[in-house]
Amino acid sequence: MRSITFRLLLTCGLIPLGCAGPKPSGKPRVALVMKSLANEFFKTMEDGARAHQAAHPDRYQLLALGIKDEQDVAGQIRLVEQMMAAGVDALVIAPADSKAMVSVCKRAQDAGIVVVNIDNELDASVLAEKGMKVPFVGPDNAAGARKVGEYLAARLPSGAKVAILEGVPAAFNAVERKRGFEEAMAAAGIQVAASQSGGWETAKANQVAAALITEIPDLAAFLCANDSMALGAVAALKAAGKEHAVLVVGYDDISAVKELLRDGRMLATADQHADQLAVYGIEYALEMLDTKKAPENRETPVDLVTAQSLGR
């Protein structure tokens, strides 16, 4: 499994794939396939799923896996193929690419595996082309980004210049968060002076933000499509001597940003409840296995987080 980071969580603990063994009668096996576990958001997601399975050991077995980084689409395809070979009953997936992951999910469905999509929605047009219906269990990413954007806009003068640090362009949640940010800025008369991808990663976002700080000396704020990129923007501002002079907002509410919110280095983020997001998907997968009902989307909560909501 070169270059692929993964974990398999079963009722007996952390074990390699080859030890998964036969499925106990009446106890389904659910595979949770995430993006990079190096991202605190997905580690929190994994921990939430593990806690849920530990609280319900008689209901299902859990196999939880993550790729080496958020753009390792080929690695994620291989993980899904491994889960198919292992004979899992359900696949709960946070796809690295909204289009590229559809084909392997189709193969899983064709093999009789229940597929539930979380976090990043699979592309509707590709699903239609494949004749597939996959339920999306997750938040309205555009609405969450609008909440964050509106909170920022209320603290900026009309005509102020801002920059968006986007996620991976092939990811639907990245597209939707960018749209939500743009809609909030347009409604407030704020100028989006630049919008570039930070690839969801702190290091890349830091490089992009550093360049934008130089290119746009009167930049008023960064709107970051996840908190990992917000950390990169904050570090770039500190290096440029502009901490607190340029506002930063993010998305995900990872623990690493709470201190930044409290001391003003970040203004706001969005909490889509990472610890419960996989649980929502797992519960729905188990429900589908039990009822054989037709899949339907289920929206999950997303909330604005600020220093005030944290109680400083």
C-alpha atoms as a PDB file:
ATOM      1  CA  MET A   1       0.000   0.000   0.000  1.00  0.00           C
ATOM      2  CA  ARG A   2       2.788   2.353  -0.809  1.00  0.00           C
ATOM      3  CA  SER A   3       2.037   6.038  -0.249  1.00  0.00           C
ATOM      4  CA  ILE A   4      -1.458   5.326   1.088  1.00  0.00           C
ATOM      5  CA  THR A   5      -2.208   6.094   4.703  1.00  0.00           C
ATOM      6  CA  PHE A   6      -5.127   4.096   6.034  1.00  0.00           C
ATOM      7  CA  ARG A   7      -6.638   2.720   9.181  1.00  0.00           C
ATOM      8  CA  LEU A   8      -9.050  -0.132   9.632  1.00  0.00           C
ATOM      9  CA  LEU A   9     -11.186   0.030  12.710  1.00  0.00           C
ATOM     10  CA  LEU A  10     -13.132  -3.042  13.767  1.00  0.00           C
ATOM     11  CA  THR A  11     -14.773  -4.075  16.996  1.00  0.00           C
ATOM     12  CA  CYS A  12     -11.577  -5.890  17.965  1.00  0.00           C
ATOM     13  CA  GLY A  13      -9.515  -2.722  17.477  1.00  0.00           C
ATOM     14  CA  LEU A  14      -6.990  -1.474  14.935  1.00  0.00           C
ATOM     15  CA  ILE A  15      -6.081  -4.353  12.620  1.00  0.00           C
ATOM     16  CA  PRO A  16      -4.791  -4.823   9.070  1.00  0.00           C
ATOM     17  CA  LEU A  17      -7.129  -5.564   6.183  1.00  0.00           C
ATOM     18  CA  GLY A  18      -6.163  -9.196   5.899  1.00  0.00           C
ATOM     19  CA  CYS A  19      -7.365  -9.791   9.467  1.00  0.00           C
ATOM     20  CA  ALA A  20     -10.882  -8.456   8.868  1.00  0.00           C
ATOM     21  CA  GLY A  21     -12.263 -11.989   8.828  1.00  0.00           C
ATOM     22  CA  PRO A  22     -15.767 -13.132   8.023  1.00  0.00           C
ATOM     23  CA  LYS A  23     -18.742 -10.964   8.848  1.00  0.00           C
ATOM     24  CA  PRO A  24     -20.626 -12.164  11.929  1.00  0.00           C
ATOM     25  CA  SER A  25     -24.197 -13.158  11.099  1.00  0.00           C
ATOM     26  CA  GLY A  26     -26.493 -10.145  11.170  1.00  0.00           C
ATOM     27  CA  LYS A  27     -23.685  -7.633  11.803  1.00  0.00           C
ATOM     28  CA  PRO A  28     -22.970  -5.514   8.682  1.00  0.00           C
ATOM     29  CA  ARG A  29     -19.546  -4.120   7.877  1.00  0.00           C
ATOM     30  CA  VAL A  30     -19.438  -0.417   7.063  1.00  0.00           C
ATOM     31  CA  ALA A  31     -16.421   1.138   5.319  1.00  0.00           C
ATOM     32  CA  LEU A  32     -15.778   4.815   5.978  1.00  0.00           C
ATOM     33  CA  VAL A  33     -13.465   6.182   3.266  1.00  0.00           C
ATOM     34  CA  MET A  34     -12.261   9.709   3.950  1.00  0.00           C
ATOM     35  CA  LYS A  35      -9.769  12.180   2.548  1.00  0.00           C
ATOM     36  CA  SER A  36      -6.470  12.949   4.286  1.00  0.00           C
ATOM     37  CA  LEU A  37      -6.256  11.977   7.952  1.00  0.00           C
ATOM     38  CA  ALA A  38      -3.434  14.537   8.184  1.00  0.00           C
ATOM     39  CA  ASN A  39      -6.229  17.119   8.091  1.00  0.00           C
ATOM     40  CA  GLU A  40      -7.585  17.502  11.615  1.00  0.00           C
ATOM     41  CA  PHE A  41     -11.139  17.680  10.249  1.00  0.00           C
ATOM     42  CA  PHE A  42     -10.987  14.110   8.957  1.00  0.00           C
ATOM     43  CA  LYS A  43      -9.161  12.847  12.039  1.00  0.00           C
ATOM     44  CA  THR A  44     -12.027  14.285  14.091  1.00  0.00           C
ATOM     45  CA  MET A  45     -14.466  12.589  11.714  1.00  0.00           C
ATOM     46  CA  GLU A  46     -12.656   9.278  12.217  1.00  0.00           C
ATOM     47  CA  ASP A  47     -12.667   9.690  16.006  1.00  0.00           C
ATOM     48  CA  GLY A  48     -16.401  10.409  15.967  1.00  0.00           C
ATOM     49  CA  ALA A  49     -17.071   7.305  13.886  1.00  0.00           C
ATOM     50  CA  ARG A  50     -14.895   5.175  16.175  1.00  0.00           C
ATOM     51  CA  ALA A  51     -16.725   6.443  19.265  1.00  0.00           C
ATOM     52  CA  HIS A  52     -20.095   5.717  17.661  1.00  0.00           C
ATOM     53  CA  GLN A  53     -19.118   2.154  16.757  1.00  0.00           C
ATOM     54  CA  ALA A  54     -17.712   1.569  20.234  1.00  0.00           C
ATOM     55  CA  ALA A  55     -21.043   2.679  21.686  1.00  0.00           C
ATOM     56  CA  HIS A  56     -22.932   0.323  19.342  1.00  0.00           C
ATOM     57  CA  PRO A  57     -20.636  -2.727  19.004  1.00  0.00           C
ATOM     58  CA  ASP A  58     -23.515  -5.110  18.307  1.00  0.00           C
ATOM     59  CA  ARG A  59     -24.880  -3.098  15.386  1.00  0.00           C
ATOM     60  CA  TYR A  60     -21.972  -3.071  12.932  1.00  0.00           C
ATOM     61  CA  GLN A  61     -18.260  -3.377  12.276  1.00  0.00           C
ATOM     62  CA  LEU A  62     -16.376  -0.286  11.138  1.00  0.00           C
ATOM     63  CA  LEU A  63     -13.485  -0.031   8.685  1.00  0.00           C
ATOM     64  CA  ALA A  64     -12.139   3.546   8.530  1.00  0.00           C
ATOM     65  CA  LEU A  65      -9.608   4.606   5.892  1.00  0.00           C
ATOM     66  CA  GLY A  66      -7.966   7.810   4.688  1.00  0.00           C
ATOM     67  CA  ILE A  67      -5.716   8.766   1.779  1.00  0.00           C
ATOM     68  CA  LYS A  68      -2.250  10.322   2.037  1.00  0.00           C
ATOM     69  CA  ASP A  69      -3.416  13.811   1.019  1.00  0.00           C
ATOM     70  CA  GLU A  70      -6.646  15.418  -0.100  1.00  0.00           C
ATOM     71  CA  GLN A  71      -5.814  15.214  -3.798  1.00  0.00           C
ATOM     72  CA  ASP A  72      -4.807  11.524  -3.881  1.00  0.00           C
ATOM     73  CA  VAL A  73      -7.785  10.469  -6.000  1.00  0.00           C
ATOM     74  CA  ALA A  74      -6.078   7.335  -7.331  1.00  0.00           C
ATOM     75  CA  GLY A  75      -5.311   6.272  -3.779  1.00  0.00           C
ATOM     76  CA  GLN A  76      -8.925   6.741  -2.738  1.00  0.00           C
ATOM     77  CA  ILE A  77     -10.139   4.688  -5.708  1.00  0.00           C
ATOM     78  CA  ARG A  78      -7.824   1.878  -4.620  1.00  0.00           C
ATOM     79  CA  LEU A  79      -9.192   2.013  -1.089  1.00  0.00           C
ATOM     80  CA  VAL A  80     -12.760   1.674  -2.353  1.00  0.00           C
ATOM     81  CA  GLU A  81     -11.672  -1.269  -4.509  1.00  0.00           C
ATOM     82  CA  GLN A  82     -10.110  -2.888  -1.441  1.00  0.00           C
ATOM     83  CA  MET A  83     -13.358  -2.469   0.476  1.00  0.00           C
ATOM     84  CA  MET A  84     -15.260  -4.059  -2.394  1.00  0.00           C
ATOM     85  CA  ALA A  85     -12.842  -7.000  -2.342  1.00  0.00           C
ATOM     86  CA  ALA A  86     -13.289  -7.267   1.435  1.00  0.00           C
ATOM     87  CA  GLY A  87     -17.037  -7.653   0.897  1.00  0.00           C
ATOM     88  CA  VAL A  88     -18.287  -4.721   2.957  1.00  0.00           C
ATOM     89  CA  ASP A  89     -22.025  -4.114   3.128  1.00  0.00           C
ATOM     90  CA  ALA A  90     -21.932  -0.322   3.003  1.00  0.00           C
ATOM     91  CA  LEU A  91     -19.562   2.394   1.836  1.00  0.00           C
ATOM     92  CA  VAL A  92     -19.691   5.855   3.428  1.00  0.00           C
ATOM     93  CA  ILE A  93     -17.429   8.095   1.380  1.00  0.00           C
ATOM     94  CA  ALA A  94     -16.102  11.655   1.530  1.00  0.00           C
ATOM     95  CA  PRO A  95     -14.839  11.820  -2.077  1.00  0.00           C
ATOM     96  CA  ALA A  96     -11.589  13.549  -2.932  1.00  0.00           C
ATOM     97  CA  ASP A  97     -12.987  14.425  -6.368  1.00  0.00           C
ATOM     98  CA  SER A  98     -16.696  14.906  -7.050  1.00  0.00           C
ATOM     99  CA  LYS A  99     -16.491  13.529 -10.591  1.00  0.00           C
ATOM    100  CA  ALA A 100     -13.597  11.073 -10.620  1.00  0.00           C
ATOM    101  CA  MET A 101     -14.949   9.007  -7.718  1.00  0.00           C
ATOM    102  CA  VAL A 102     -18.342   8.345  -9.318  1.00  0.00           C
ATOM    103  CA  SER A 103     -17.238   5.371 -11.449  1.00  0.00           C
ATOM    104  CA  VAL A 104     -15.793   3.355  -8.574  1.00  0.00           C
ATOM    105  CA  CYS A 105     -18.871   4.141  -6.467  1.00  0.00           C
ATOM    106  CA  LYS A 106     -20.980   2.828  -9.354  1.00  0.00           C
ATOM    107  CA  ARG A 107     -18.985  -0.404  -9.296  1.00  0.00           C
ATOM    108  CA  ALA A 108     -19.590  -0.665  -5.561  1.00  0.00           C
ATOM    109  CA  GLN A 109     -23.324  -0.164  -6.038  1.00  0.00           C
ATOM    110  CA  ASP A 110     -23.383  -2.732  -8.836  1.00  0.00           C
ATOM    111  CA  ALA A 111     -21.734  -5.170  -6.426  1.00  0.00           C
ATOM    112  CA  GLY A 112     -24.663  -4.721  -4.037  1.00  0.00           C
ATOM    113  CA  ILE A 113     -22.933  -2.331  -1.640  1.00  0.00           C
ATOM    114  CA  VAL A 114     -24.985   0.504  -0.152  1.00  0.00           C
ATOM    115  CA  VAL A 115     -23.188   3.782  -0.965  1.00  0.00           C
ATOM    116  CA  VAL A 116     -23.690   6.961   1.087  1.00  0.00           C
ATOM    117  CA  ASN A 117     -21.921  10.213   0.175  1.00  0.00           C
ATOM    118  CA  ILE A 118     -20.817  12.596   2.955  1.00  0.00           C
ATOM    119  CA  ASP A 119     -18.890  15.894   3.227  1.00  0.00           C
ATOM    120  CA  ASN A 120     -18.214  16.552  -0.480  1.00  0.00           C
ATOM    121  CA  GLU A 121     -21.132  15.912  -2.813  1.00  0.00           C
ATOM    122  CA  LEU A 122     -20.682  13.724  -5.883  1.00  0.00           C
ATOM    123  CA  ASP A 123     -21.332  15.536  -9.160  1.00  0.00           C
ATOM    124  CA  ALA A 124     -25.030  15.399 -10.072  1.00  0.00           C
ATOM    125  CA  SER A 125     -24.450  15.418 -13.830  1.00  0.00           C
ATOM    126  CA  VAL A 126     -21.997  12.497 -13.690  1.00  0.00           C
ATOM    127  CA  LEU A 127     -24.342  10.554 -11.412  1.00  0.00           C
ATOM    128  CA  ALA A 128     -27.181  11.128 -13.900  1.00  0.00           C
ATOM    129  CA  GLU A 129     -24.959  10.054 -16.784  1.00  0.00           C
ATOM    130  CA  LYS A 130     -24.219   6.800 -14.933  1.00  0.00           C
ATOM    131  CA  GLY A 131     -27.884   6.322 -14.029  1.00  0.00           C
ATOM    132  CA  MET A 132     -27.022   6.438 -10.322  1.00  0.00           C
ATOM    133  CA  LYS A 133     -28.703   7.702  -7.197  1.00  0.00           C
ATOM    134  CA  VAL A 134     -26.386   8.189  -4.235  1.00  0.00           C
ATOM    135  CA  PRO A 135     -27.735   9.969  -1.154  1.00  0.00           C
ATOM    136  CA  PHE A 136     -25.759  12.953   0.056  1.00  0.00           C
ATOM    137  CA  VAL A 137     -25.762  13.303   3.823  1.00  0.00           C
ATOM    138  CA  GLY A 138     -24.084  16.570   4.704  1.00  0.00           C
ATOM    139  CA  PRO A 139     -24.353  20.334   5.103  1.00  0.00           C
ATOM    140  CA  ASP A 140     -25.258  23.029   2.611  1.00  0.00           C
ATOM    141  CA  ASN A 141     -21.715  24.257   1.988  1.00  0.00           C
ATOM    142  CA  ALA A 142     -22.793  27.418   0.168  1.00  0.00           C
ATOM    143  CA  ALA A 143     -25.104  28.394   3.039  1.00  0.00           C
ATOM    144  CA  GLY A 144     -22.336  27.809   5.575  1.00  0.00           C
ATOM    145  CA  ALA A 145     -19.900  29.933   3.586  1.00  0.00           C
ATOM    146  CA  ARG A 146     -22.523  32.676   3.216  1.00  0.00           C
ATOM    147  CA  LYS A 147     -22.926  32.808   7.013  1.00  0.00           C
ATOM    148  CA  VAL A 148     -19.182  33.262   7.427  1.00  0.00           C
ATOM    149  CA  GLY A 149     -18.985  35.757   4.555  1.00  0.00           C
ATOM    150  CA  GLU A 150     -21.859  37.857   5.863  1.00  0.00           C
ATOM    151  CA  TYR A 151     -20.263  38.044   9.309  1.00  0.00           C
ATOM    152  CA  LEU A 152     -17.039  39.256   7.696  1.00  0.00           C
ATOM    153  CA  ALA A 153     -18.782  41.706   5.351  1.00  0.00           C
ATOM    154  CA  ALA A 154     -20.506  43.432   8.284  1.00  0.00           C
ATOM    155  CA  ARG A 155     -17.040  44.431   9.501  1.00  0.00           C
ATOM    156  CA  LEU A 156     -15.730  45.778   6.188  1.00  0.00           C
ATOM    157  CA  PRO A 157     -16.472  49.023   4.350  1.00  0.00           C
ATOM    158  CA  SER A 158     -18.209  48.867   0.991  1.00  0.00           C
ATOM    159  CA  GLY A 159     -15.675  48.456  -1.805  1.00  0.00           C
ATOM    160  CA  ALA A 160     -13.060  46.749   0.381  1.00  0.00           C
ATOM    161  CA  LYS A 161     -10.853  44.198  -1.365  1.00  0.00           C
ATOM    162  CA  VAL A 162     -10.827  40.564  -0.277  1.00  0.00           C
ATOM    163  CA  ALA A 163      -9.279  37.345  -1.560  1.00  0.00           C
ATOM    164  CA  ILE A 164     -10.717  33.827  -1.558  1.00  0.00           C
ATOM    165  CA  LEU A 165      -8.495  30.832  -0.906  1.00  0.00           C
ATOM    166  CA  GLU A 166     -10.413  28.052  -2.648  1.00  0.00           C
ATOM    167  CA  GLY A 167     -10.263  24.322  -2.108  1.00  0.00           C
ATOM    168  CA  VAL A 168      -9.584  21.808  -4.878  1.00  0.00           C
ATOM    169  CA  PRO A 169     -11.589  22.994  -7.932  1.00  0.00           C
ATOM    170  CA  ALA A 170     -12.771  19.442  -8.733  1.00  0.00           C
ATOM    171  CA  ALA A 171     -14.457  19.164  -5.325  1.00  0.00           C
ATOM    172  CA  PHE A 172     -18.110  20.196  -5.182  1.00  0.00           C
ATOM    173  CA  ASN A 173     -17.820  21.497  -1.620  1.00  0.00           C
ATOM    174  CA  ALA A 174     -14.973  23.770  -2.746  1.00  0.00           C
ATOM    175  CA  VAL A 175     -17.140  25.147  -5.551  1.00  0.00           C
ATOM    176  CA  GLU A 176     -20.090  25.669  -3.199  1.00  0.00           C
ATOM    177  CA  ARG A 177     -18.052  27.392  -0.498  1.00  0.00           C
ATOM    178  CA  LYS A 178     -16.555  29.734  -3.069  1.00  0.00           C
ATOM    179  CA  ARG A 179     -20.070  30.499  -4.329  1.00  0.00           C
ATOM    180  CA  GLY A 180     -21.300  31.223  -0.819  1.00  0.00           C
ATOM    181  CA  PHE A 181     -18.378  33.579  -0.159  1.00  0.00           C
ATOM    182  CA  GLU A 182     -18.907  35.359  -3.490  1.00  0.00           C
ATOM    183  CA  GLU A 183     -22.637  35.804  -2.897  1.00  0.00           C
ATOM    184  CA  ALA A 184     -22.035  37.313   0.533  1.00  0.00           C
ATOM    185  CA  MET A 185     -19.414  39.713  -0.836  1.00  0.00           C
ATOM    186  CA  ALA A 186     -21.567  40.763  -3.798  1.00  0.00           C
ATOM    187  CA  ALA A 187     -24.542  41.489  -1.541  1.00  0.00           C
ATOM    188  CA  ALA A 188     -22.364  43.742   0.641  1.00  0.00           C
ATOM    189  CA  GLY A 189     -20.596  45.559  -2.194  1.00  0.00           C
ATOM    190  CA  ILE A 190     -17.226  44.028  -1.315  1.00  0.00           C
ATOM    191  CA  GLN A 191     -14.717  43.433  -4.136  1.00  0.00           C
ATOM    192  CA  VAL A 192     -13.294  39.929  -4.604  1.00  0.00           C
ATOM    193  CA  ALA A 193      -9.890  41.035  -5.879  1.00  0.00           C
ATOM    194  CA  ALA A 194      -8.480  37.493  -6.231  1.00  0.00           C
ATOM    195  CA  SER A 195      -9.604  33.897  -5.924  1.00  0.00           C
ATOM    196  CA  GLN A 196      -7.021  31.103  -6.040  1.00  0.00           C
ATOM    197  CA  SER A 197      -6.813  27.494  -4.935  1.00  0.00           C
ATOM    198  CA  GLY A 198      -4.853  26.636  -1.817  1.00  0.00           C
ATOM    199  CA  GLY A 199      -5.498  22.938  -2.427  1.00  0.00           C
ATOM    200  CA  TRP A 200      -7.045  22.528   1.049  1.00  0.00           C
ATOM    201  CA  GLU A 201      -3.455  22.482   2.437  1.00  0.00           C
ATOM    202  CA  THR A 202      -1.780  24.833   4.927  1.00  0.00           C
ATOM    203  CA  ALA A 203       1.584  24.999   3.151  1.00  0.00           C
ATOM    204  CA  LYS A 204       0.164  25.742  -0.287  1.00  0.00           C
ATOM    205  CA  ALA A 205      -2.296  28.284   1.112  1.00  0.00           C
ATOM    206  CA  ASN A 206       0.575  29.992   2.917  1.00  0.00           C
ATOM    207  CA  GLN A 207       2.426  30.436  -0.388  1.00  0.00           C
ATOM    208  CA  VAL A 208      -0.651  31.706  -2.209  1.00  0.00           C
ATOM    209  CA  ALA A 209      -1.567  34.092   0.606  1.00  0.00           C
ATOM    210  CA  ALA A 210       1.990  35.468   0.833  1.00  0.00           C
ATOM    211  CA  ALA A 211       1.928  36.289  -2.883  1.00  0.00           C
ATOM    212  CA  LEU A 212      -1.508  37.941  -2.649  1.00  0.00           C
ATOM    213  CA  ILE A 213      -0.430  40.103   0.305  1.00  0.00           C
ATOM    214  CA  THR A 214       2.300  41.519  -1.923  1.00  0.00           C
ATOM    215  CA  GLU A 215       0.135  41.816  -5.035  1.00  0.00           C
ATOM    216  CA  ILE A 216      -2.785  43.514  -3.237  1.00  0.00           C
ATOM    217  CA  PRO A 217      -1.288  45.836  -0.592  1.00  0.00           C
ATOM    218  CA  ASP A 218      -4.716  47.153   0.450  1.00  0.00           C
ATOM    219  CA  LEU A 219      -6.204  43.678   0.901  1.00  0.00           C
ATOM    220  CA  ALA A 220      -8.741  43.700   3.746  1.00  0.00           C
ATOM    221  CA  ALA A 221      -9.485  39.997   4.265  1.00  0.00           C
ATOM    222  CA  PHE A 222      -8.957  36.364   3.307  1.00  0.00           C
ATOM    223  CA  LEU A 223     -11.941  34.037   2.968  1.00  0.00           C
ATOM    224  CA  CYS A 224     -10.578  30.502   3.275  1.00  0.00           C
ATOM    225  CA  ALA A 225     -12.577  27.468   2.193  1.00  0.00           C
ATOM    226  CA  ASN A 226     -11.199  25.420   5.080  1.00  0.00           C
ATOM    227  CA  ASP A 227      -9.369  26.085   8.332  1.00  0.00           C
ATOM    228  CA  SER A 228      -6.164  24.376   7.197  1.00  0.00           C
ATOM    229  CA  MET A 229      -5.818  27.079   4.551  1.00  0.00           C
ATOM    230  CA  ALA A 230      -6.809  29.753   7.077  1.00  0.00           C
ATOM    231  CA  LEU A 231      -3.828  28.661   9.201  1.00  0.00           C
ATOM    232  CA  GLY A 232      -1.618  29.205   6.165  1.00  0.00           C
ATOM    233  CA  ALA A 233      -3.067  32.668   5.598  1.00  0.00           C
ATOM    234  CA  VAL A 234      -2.565  33.639   9.250  1.00  0.00           C
ATOM    235  CA  ALA A 235       1.084  32.517   9.086  1.00  0.00           C
ATOM    236  CA  ALA A 236       1.620  34.541   5.884  1.00  0.00           C
ATOM    237  CA  LEU A 237       0.146  37.645   7.523  1.00  0.00           C
ATOM    238  CA  LYS A 238       2.395  37.221  10.554  1.00  0.00           C
ATOM    239  CA  ALA A 239       5.450  36.947   8.297  1.00  0.00           C
ATOM    240  CA  ALA A 240       4.373  40.113   6.472  1.00  0.00           C
ATOM    241  CA  GLY A 241       3.798  42.027   9.710  1.00  0.00           C
ATOM    242  CA  LYS A 242       0.070  42.322   8.959  1.00  0.00           C
ATOM    243  CA  GLU A 243      -1.404  40.188  11.720  1.00  0.00           C
ATOM    244  CA  HIS A 244      -4.721  41.724  12.851  1.00  0.00           C
ATOM    245  CA  ALA A 245      -4.537  44.222   9.949  1.00  0.00           C
ATOM    246  CA  VAL A 246      -6.089  41.744   7.486  1.00  0.00           C
ATOM    247  CA  LEU A 247      -9.104  39.726   8.609  1.00  0.00           C
ATOM    248  CA  VAL A 248      -9.229  35.952   8.104  1.00  0.00           C
ATOM    249  CA  VAL A 249     -12.219  33.622   8.063  1.00  0.00           C
ATOM    250  CA  GLY A 250     -12.261  29.875   7.543  1.00  0.00           C
ATOM    251  CA  TYR A 251     -14.478  26.815   7.472  1.00  0.00           C
ATOM    252  CA  ASP A 252     -14.528  23.575   9.561  1.00  0.00           C
ATOM    253  CA  ASP A 253     -13.933  24.748  13.157  1.00  0.00           C
ATOM    254  CA  ILE A 254     -10.893  22.562  13.807  1.00  0.00           C
ATOM    255  CA  SER A 255      -9.395  22.838  17.288  1.00  0.00           C
ATOM    256  CA  ALA A 256      -6.262  24.579  15.972  1.00  0.00           C
ATOM    257  CA  VAL A 257      -8.224  27.744  15.117  1.00  0.00           C
ATOM    258  CA  LYS A 258      -9.991  28.262  18.437  1.00  0.00           C
ATOM    259  CA  GLU A 259      -7.102  30.211  19.977  1.00  0.00           C
ATOM    260  CA  LEU A 260      -6.847  32.279  16.783  1.00  0.00           C
ATOM    261  CA  LEU A 261     -10.529  33.153  17.039  1.00  0.00           C
ATOM    262  CA  ARG A 262     -10.195  34.131  20.668  1.00  0.00           C
ATOM    263  CA  ASP A 263      -7.196  36.418  20.119  1.00  0.00           C
ATOM    264  CA  GLY A 264      -8.496  37.994  16.906  1.00  0.00           C
ATOM    265  CA  ARG A 265      -6.104  36.477  14.393  1.00  0.00           C
ATOM    266  CA  MET A 266      -9.187  34.856  12.849  1.00  0.00           C
ATOM    267  CA  LEU A 267     -12.644  36.386  12.767  1.00  0.00           C
ATOM    268  CA  ALA A 268     -14.943  33.415  12.138  1.00  0.00           C
ATOM    269  CA  THR A 269     -15.284  29.877  10.852  1.00  0.00           C
ATOM    270  CA  ALA A 270     -18.087  27.383  10.178  1.00  0.00           C
ATOM    271  CA  ASP A 271     -18.733  24.255  12.207  1.00  0.00           C
ATOM    272  CA  GLN A 272     -20.171  21.382  10.174  1.00  0.00           C
ATOM    273  CA  HIS A 273     -19.745  19.058  13.151  1.00  0.00           C
ATOM    274  CA  ALA A 274     -16.937  16.822  11.905  1.00  0.00           C
ATOM    275  CA  ASP A 275     -17.323  14.464  14.854  1.00  0.00           C
ATOM    276  CA  GLN A 276     -20.888  13.689  13.785  1.00  0.00           C
ATOM    277  CA  LEU A 277     -20.693  13.965  10.000  1.00  0.00           C
ATOM    278  CA  ALA A 278     -19.550  10.384   9.440  1.00  0.00           C
ATOM    279  CA  VAL A 279     -22.002   9.203  12.107  1.00  0.00           C
ATOM    280  CA  TYR A 280     -24.891  10.740  10.160  1.00  0.00           C
ATOM    281  CA  GLY A 281     -23.718   8.851   7.070  1.00  0.00           C
ATOM    282  CA  ILE A 282     -23.189   5.573   8.932  1.00  0.00           C
ATOM    283  CA  GLU A 283     -26.629   5.759  10.553  1.00  0.00           C
ATOM    284  CA  TYR A 284     -28.225   6.362   7.173  1.00  0.00           C
ATOM    285  CA  ALA A 285     -26.288   3.483   5.597  1.00  0.00           C
ATOM    286  CA  LEU A 286     -27.492   1.148   8.359  1.00  0.00           C
ATOM    287  CA  GLU A 287     -31.031   2.410   7.832  1.00  0.00           C
ATOM    288  CA  MET A 288     -30.801   1.714   4.099  1.00  0.00           C
ATOM    289  CA  LEU A 289     -29.483  -1.789   4.783  1.00  0.00           C
ATOM    290  CA  ASP A 290     -32.427  -2.436   7.110  1.00  0.00           C
ATOM    291  CA  THR A 291     -35.250  -0.862   5.103  1.00  0.00           C
ATOM    292  CA  LYS A 292     -34.011  -1.151   1.484  1.00  0.00           C
ATOM    293  CA  LYS A 293     -35.593   2.268   0.984  1.00  0.00           C
ATOM    294  CA  ALA A 294     -34.810   4.491  -2.006  1.00  0.00           C
ATOM    295  CA  PRO A 295     -31.956   6.900  -1.287  1.00  0.00           C
ATOM    296  CA  GLU A 296     -32.645  10.549  -0.554  1.00  0.00           C
ATOM    297  CA  ASN A 297     -30.445  13.457   0.488  1.00  0.00           C
ATOM    298  CA  ARG A 298     -30.329  14.550   4.112  1.00  0.00           C
ATOM    299  CA  GLU A 299     -29.055  17.974   5.110  1.00  0.00           C
ATOM    300  CA  THR A 300     -26.982  18.228   8.277  1.00  0.00           C
ATOM    301  CA  PRO A 301     -26.294  21.359  10.356  1.00  0.00           C
ATOM    302  CA  VAL A 302     -23.592  23.971   9.812  1.00  0.00           C
ATOM    303  CA  ASP A 303     -23.117  26.798  12.303  1.00  0.00           C
ATOM    304  CA  LEU A 304     -21.210  30.071  12.483  1.00  0.00           C
ATOM    305  CA  VAL A 305     -18.390  30.093  15.059  1.00  0.00           C
ATOM    306  CA  THR A 306     -16.878  33.337  16.363  1.00  0.00           C
ATOM    307  CA  ALA A 307     -14.943  34.480  19.430  1.00  0.00           C
ATOM    308  CA  GLN A 308     -18.281  35.490  20.949  1.00  0.00           C
ATOM    309  CA  SER A 309     -19.831  32.048  20.431  1.00  0.00           C
ATOM    310  CA  LEU A 310     -16.745  30.470  22.014  1.00  0.00           C
ATOM    311  CA  GLY A 311     -17.063  32.766  24.989  1.00  0.00           C
ATOM    312  CA  ARG A 312     -13.553  34.051  24.322  1.00  0.00           C
END
